[in-house]
Amino acid sequence: MSQHYIDTPQYEVIVGWDKPLQYFFGTVFTKAKKDTDHEVVFATLELPGGGVQTVEELANVLQSYLRLPDELLKCLEEDRANNRGNVVRHWAVPDVQQ
């Protein structure tokens, strides 16, 4: 699966393309003072089917936490189109809300 880590002032987020399951996923964690204190505040695993089919849908379900950059959305589309696995990239997003 591809993994895109996004660091914001308030959240740590991971999104990507799950190659075996053929869907996009996203998980939002609170920032913590200690590495062990991270708490999941949202995960697409909680949705029916465990993931979403389009980057637009992924951006929509995450909009309460952050706006996914257009460049990241493009990368996710490329991950799906190429059925990528084992890709890791880190992003910094300064603004949490739209």
C-alpha atoms as a PDB file:
ATOM      1  CA  MET A   1       0.000   0.000   0.000  1.00  0.00           C
ATOM      2  CA  SER A   2       1.045   3.552  -0.495  1.00  0.00           C
ATOM      3  CA  GLN A   3       1.418   5.601   2.667  1.00  0.00           C
ATOM      4  CA  HIS A   4       1.338   9.375   2.781  1.00  0.00           C
ATOM      5  CA  TYR A   5       2.014  10.838   6.217  1.00  0.00           C
ATOM      6  CA  ILE A   6       0.662  14.331   6.805  1.00  0.00           C
ATOM      7  CA  ASP A   7       1.799  16.451   9.716  1.00  0.00           C
ATOM      8  CA  THR A   8      -0.414  19.369  10.770  1.00  0.00           C
ATOM      9  CA  PRO A   9      -0.281  21.506  13.897  1.00  0.00           C
ATOM     10  CA  GLN A  10      -3.137  19.502  15.429  1.00  0.00           C
ATOM     11  CA  TYR A  11      -3.152  16.062  13.753  1.00  0.00           C
ATOM     12  CA  GLU A  12      -1.021  13.347  12.298  1.00  0.00           C
ATOM     13  CA  VAL A  13      -2.730  11.735   9.329  1.00  0.00           C
ATOM     14  CA  ILE A  14      -1.957   8.781   7.125  1.00  0.00           C
ATOM     15  CA  VAL A  15      -3.687   8.274   3.791  1.00  0.00           C
ATOM     16  CA  GLY A  16      -2.960   6.007   0.883  1.00  0.00           C
ATOM     17  CA  TRP A  17      -3.973   3.402  -1.638  1.00  0.00           C
ATOM     18  CA  ASP A  18      -4.465  -0.141  -0.350  1.00  0.00           C
ATOM     19  CA  LYS A  19      -3.250  -2.313  -3.212  1.00  0.00           C
ATOM     20  CA  PRO A  20      -4.655  -5.661  -1.988  1.00  0.00           C
ATOM     21  CA  LEU A  21      -8.059  -4.238  -0.998  1.00  0.00           C
ATOM     22  CA  GLN A  22      -8.281  -1.762  -3.912  1.00  0.00           C
ATOM     23  CA  TYR A  23      -9.446   1.307  -2.010  1.00  0.00           C
ATOM     24  CA  PHE A  24      -8.158   4.516  -0.452  1.00  0.00           C
ATOM     25  CA  PHE A  25      -7.778   4.714   3.305  1.00  0.00           C
ATOM     26  CA  GLY A  26      -7.221   7.437   5.869  1.00  0.00           C
ATOM     27  CA  THR A  27      -6.579   7.598   9.604  1.00  0.00           C
ATOM     28  CA  VAL A  28      -6.394  10.736  11.739  1.00  0.00           C
ATOM     29  CA  PHE A  29      -4.482  10.755  15.034  1.00  0.00           C
ATOM     30  CA  THR A  30      -4.350  13.467  17.662  1.00  0.00           C
ATOM     31  CA  LYS A  31      -0.949  15.001  18.304  1.00  0.00           C
ATOM     32  CA  ALA A  32       0.452  13.827  21.590  1.00  0.00           C
ATOM     33  CA  LYS A  33       3.182  14.930  23.918  1.00  0.00           C
ATOM     34  CA  LYS A  34       4.477  11.374  24.009  1.00  0.00           C
ATOM     35  CA  ASP A  35       4.665   8.965  21.083  1.00  0.00           C
ATOM     36  CA  THR A  36       2.508   6.458  22.959  1.00  0.00           C
ATOM     37  CA  ASP A  37      -0.330   8.936  23.597  1.00  0.00           C
ATOM     38  CA  HIS A  38      -1.637   9.178  20.018  1.00  0.00           C
ATOM     39  CA  GLU A  39      -5.364   8.625  19.775  1.00  0.00           C
ATOM     40  CA  VAL A  40      -7.284   7.723  16.640  1.00  0.00           C
ATOM     41  CA  VAL A  41     -10.008  10.315  16.068  1.00  0.00           C
ATOM     42  CA  PHE A  42     -11.144   9.026  12.668  1.00  0.00           C
ATOM     43  CA  ALA A  43     -10.408   6.040  10.446  1.00  0.00           C
ATOM     44  CA  THR A  44     -11.950   4.976   7.170  1.00  0.00           C
ATOM     45  CA  LEU A  45     -11.933   1.470   8.633  1.00  0.00           C
ATOM     46  CA  GLU A  46     -15.002   2.637  10.571  1.00  0.00           C
ATOM     47  CA  LEU A  47     -16.865   3.214   7.292  1.00  0.00           C
ATOM     48  CA  PRO A  48     -18.861   0.463   5.582  1.00  0.00           C
ATOM     49  CA  GLY A  49     -16.358  -1.402   3.435  1.00  0.00           C
ATOM     50  CA  GLY A  50     -13.361  -0.014   5.338  1.00  0.00           C
ATOM     51  CA  GLY A  51     -12.205   2.401   2.666  1.00  0.00           C
ATOM     52  CA  VAL A  52     -13.324   4.773  -0.070  1.00  0.00           C
ATOM     53  CA  GLN A  53     -13.213   4.484  -3.854  1.00  0.00           C
ATOM     54  CA  THR A  54     -12.188   7.991  -4.964  1.00  0.00           C
ATOM     55  CA  VAL A  55      -9.781  10.704  -3.836  1.00  0.00           C
ATOM     56  CA  GLU A  56     -12.714  13.125  -3.797  1.00  0.00           C
ATOM     57  CA  GLU A  57     -14.528  10.893  -1.319  1.00  0.00           C
ATOM     58  CA  LEU A  58     -11.368  10.599   0.789  1.00  0.00           C
ATOM     59  CA  ALA A  59     -10.938  14.391   0.811  1.00  0.00           C
ATOM     60  CA  ASN A  60     -14.595  14.755   1.781  1.00  0.00           C
ATOM     61  CA  VAL A  61     -14.479  12.364   4.751  1.00  0.00           C
ATOM     62  CA  LEU A  62     -11.299  14.053   6.035  1.00  0.00           C
ATOM     63  CA  GLN A  63     -12.428  17.659   5.529  1.00  0.00           C
ATOM     64  CA  SER A  64     -13.271  18.115   9.234  1.00  0.00           C
ATOM     65  CA  TYR A  65      -9.610  17.532  10.058  1.00  0.00           C
ATOM     66  CA  LEU A  66      -7.651  18.962   7.129  1.00  0.00           C
ATOM     67  CA  ARG A  67      -7.756  19.925   3.492  1.00  0.00           C
ATOM     68  CA  LEU A  68      -5.743  17.458   1.449  1.00  0.00           C
ATOM     69  CA  PRO A  69      -3.382  19.386  -0.852  1.00  0.00           C
ATOM     70  CA  ASP A  70      -4.060  19.120  -4.587  1.00  0.00           C
ATOM     71  CA  GLU A  71      -0.560  17.718  -5.120  1.00  0.00           C
ATOM     72  CA  LEU A  72      -1.285  14.928  -2.620  1.00  0.00           C
ATOM     73  CA  LEU A  73      -4.613  14.141  -4.305  1.00  0.00           C
ATOM     74  CA  LYS A  74      -2.751  13.850  -7.611  1.00  0.00           C
ATOM     75  CA  CYS A  75      -0.212  11.479  -6.028  1.00  0.00           C
ATOM     76  CA  LEU A  76      -3.012   9.333  -4.626  1.00  0.00           C
ATOM     77  CA  GLU A  77      -4.643   9.127  -8.058  1.00  0.00           C
ATOM     78  CA  GLU A  78      -1.293   8.025  -9.491  1.00  0.00           C
ATOM     79  CA  ASP A  79      -0.966   5.424  -6.716  1.00  0.00           C
ATOM     80  CA  ARG A  80      -4.345   3.986  -7.722  1.00  0.00           C
ATOM     81  CA  ALA A  81      -3.705   4.187 -11.464  1.00  0.00           C
ATOM     82  CA  ASN A  82      -0.366   2.376 -11.059  1.00  0.00           C
ATOM     83  CA  ASN A  83      -1.656   0.123  -8.246  1.00  0.00           C
ATOM     84  CA  ARG A  84       1.364   1.157  -6.178  1.00  0.00           C
ATOM     85  CA  GLY A  85       2.489  -0.529  -3.041  1.00  0.00           C
ATOM     86  CA  ASN A  86       5.374   0.218  -0.682  1.00  0.00           C
ATOM     87  CA  VAL A  87       5.485   3.963  -1.338  1.00  0.00           C
ATOM     88  CA  VAL A  88       6.078   6.249   1.634  1.00  0.00           C
ATOM     89  CA  ARG A  89       5.985  10.042   1.495  1.00  0.00           C
ATOM     90  CA  HIS A  90       5.798  12.743   4.169  1.00  0.00           C
ATOM     91  CA  TRP A  91       3.835  15.996   3.828  1.00  0.00           C
ATOM     92  CA  ALA A  92       3.516  19.087   6.021  1.00  0.00           C
ATOM     93  CA  VAL A  93       0.213  20.926   5.966  1.00  0.00           C
ATOM     94  CA  PRO A  94       0.219  24.171   7.996  1.00  0.00           C
ATOM     95  CA  ASP A  95      -3.540  24.829   7.945  1.00  0.00           C
ATOM     96  CA  VAL A  96      -5.797  22.248   9.595  1.00  0.00           C
ATOM     97  CA  GLN A  97      -9.187  23.650   8.537  1.00  0.00           C
ATOM     98  CA  GLN A  98     -10.293  24.670   5.065  1.00  0.00           C
END
